[in-house]
Amino acid sequence: MLRDRINHVVHGRALLAMRIPEIREVRGTQPGFSDLFESYSLAVIHLNALTARHAPRSQIDEYKELISNLEEEAAYFVRNYSPMHGKFDWAD
């Protein structure tokens, strides 16, 4: 199965980098980011599988919402990440 053969952290980071170019400044090893990248990868793969097998619209919409929420979370993290210091600035 595809999802068992790929590195989901790398895959998720690449997918998010296409949607949020600023994510390229973040190392995948930063706390929280590897989990986010992995979750994003798995959600996108599952959405593609649901779409391919013509799953009920409610299931597809659920995964689209999940993906959108993960993208919002990633954008929030990127806005508050300081690549110069390798940490987050939560003042925002």
Protein backbone atom coordinates (compact mmCIF):
# COMPACT_ATOMS: atom_id res chain seq x y z
CA MET A 1 0.00 0.00 0.00
CA LEU A 2 1.28 3.48 -0.92
CA ARG A 3 0.99 5.01 2.52
CA ASP A 4 3.19 2.27 3.97
CA ARG A 5 6.03 2.93 1.51
CA ILE A 6 6.50 6.68 1.77
CA ASN A 7 7.98 8.95 4.38
CA HIS A 8 4.90 10.90 5.44
CA VAL A 9 6.87 13.67 7.11
CA VAL A 10 8.76 14.39 3.88
CA HIS A 11 5.65 13.93 1.73
CA GLY A 12 3.48 16.17 3.93
CA ARG A 13 6.15 18.85 4.07
CA ALA A 14 6.42 18.84 0.27
CA LEU A 15 2.65 19.06 -0.16
CA LEU A 16 2.36 21.90 2.34
CA ALA A 17 5.31 23.72 0.78
CA MET A 18 3.32 23.91 -2.45
CA ARG A 19 0.34 25.39 -0.61
CA ILE A 20 2.33 27.56 1.86
CA PRO A 21 5.75 28.40 0.38
CA GLU A 22 6.98 29.88 3.69
CA ILE A 23 6.94 26.38 5.17
CA ARG A 24 10.19 25.75 3.30
CA GLU A 25 11.98 27.78 5.97
CA VAL A 26 10.96 25.33 8.67
CA ARG A 27 12.97 22.22 9.43
CA GLY A 28 10.84 19.10 9.59
CA THR A 29 12.45 18.19 12.89
CA GLN A 30 10.98 21.16 14.76
CA PRO A 31 8.65 20.04 17.55
CA GLY A 32 5.10 19.66 16.29
CA PHE A 33 5.95 20.07 12.64
CA SER A 34 6.78 16.44 11.94
CA ASP A 35 3.38 15.39 13.35
CA LEU A 36 1.66 18.07 11.29
CA PHE A 37 3.47 17.03 8.10
CA GLU A 38 2.67 13.36 8.68
CA SER A 39 -1.00 14.10 9.40
CA TYR A 40 -1.28 16.24 6.29
CA SER A 41 0.25 13.53 4.11
CA LEU A 42 -2.08 10.84 5.45
CA ALA A 43 -5.14 13.07 5.11
CA VAL A 44 -4.34 13.95 1.48
CA ILE A 45 -3.69 10.32 0.58
CA HIS A 46 -6.93 9.25 2.21
CA LEU A 47 -8.88 12.03 0.49
CA ASN A 48 -7.49 10.89 -2.86
CA ALA A 49 -8.54 7.31 -2.08
CA LEU A 50 -12.04 8.42 -1.08
CA THR A 51 -12.38 10.45 -4.25
CA ALA A 52 -11.13 7.61 -6.44
CA ARG A 53 -13.66 5.16 -5.07
CA HIS A 54 -16.50 7.70 -5.21
CA ALA A 55 -17.11 7.66 -1.47
CA PRO A 56 -20.10 9.51 -0.03
CA ARG A 57 -19.84 13.29 -0.31
CA SER A 58 -19.97 13.62 3.49
CA GLN A 59 -16.75 11.60 3.89
CA ILE A 60 -14.99 13.58 1.18
CA ASP A 61 -16.12 16.88 2.72
CA GLU A 62 -14.91 15.73 6.14
CA TYR A 63 -11.39 15.14 4.81
CA LYS A 64 -11.41 18.40 2.84
CA GLU A 65 -12.25 20.20 6.07
CA LEU A 66 -9.52 18.33 7.95
CA ILE A 67 -6.97 19.26 5.27
CA SER A 68 -8.09 22.89 5.38
CA ASN A 69 -7.70 22.92 9.18
CA LEU A 70 -4.21 21.43 8.92
CA GLU A 71 -3.27 24.10 6.36
CA GLU A 72 -4.55 26.82 8.71
CA GLU A 73 -2.55 25.33 11.56
CA ALA A 74 0.58 25.19 9.40
CA ALA A 75 0.10 28.81 8.31
CA TYR A 76 -0.27 29.85 11.96
CA PHE A 77 2.91 28.00 12.92
CA VAL A 78 4.84 29.56 10.03
CA ARG A 79 3.76 33.08 11.02
CA ASN A 80 5.03 32.46 14.55
CA TYR A 81 8.22 30.56 13.70
CA SER A 82 11.57 32.28 13.85
CA PRO A 83 13.95 30.51 11.45
CA MET A 84 16.79 32.66 12.75
CA HIS A 85 16.37 31.30 16.26
CA GLY A 86 14.89 27.91 15.38
CA LYS A 87 11.97 28.40 17.75
CA PHE A 88 8.50 29.87 17.99
CA ASP A 89 7.54 33.37 18.99
CA TRP A 90 4.10 33.01 20.55
CA ALA A 91 3.66 36.76 21.11
CA ASP A 92 1.30 37.01 18.12
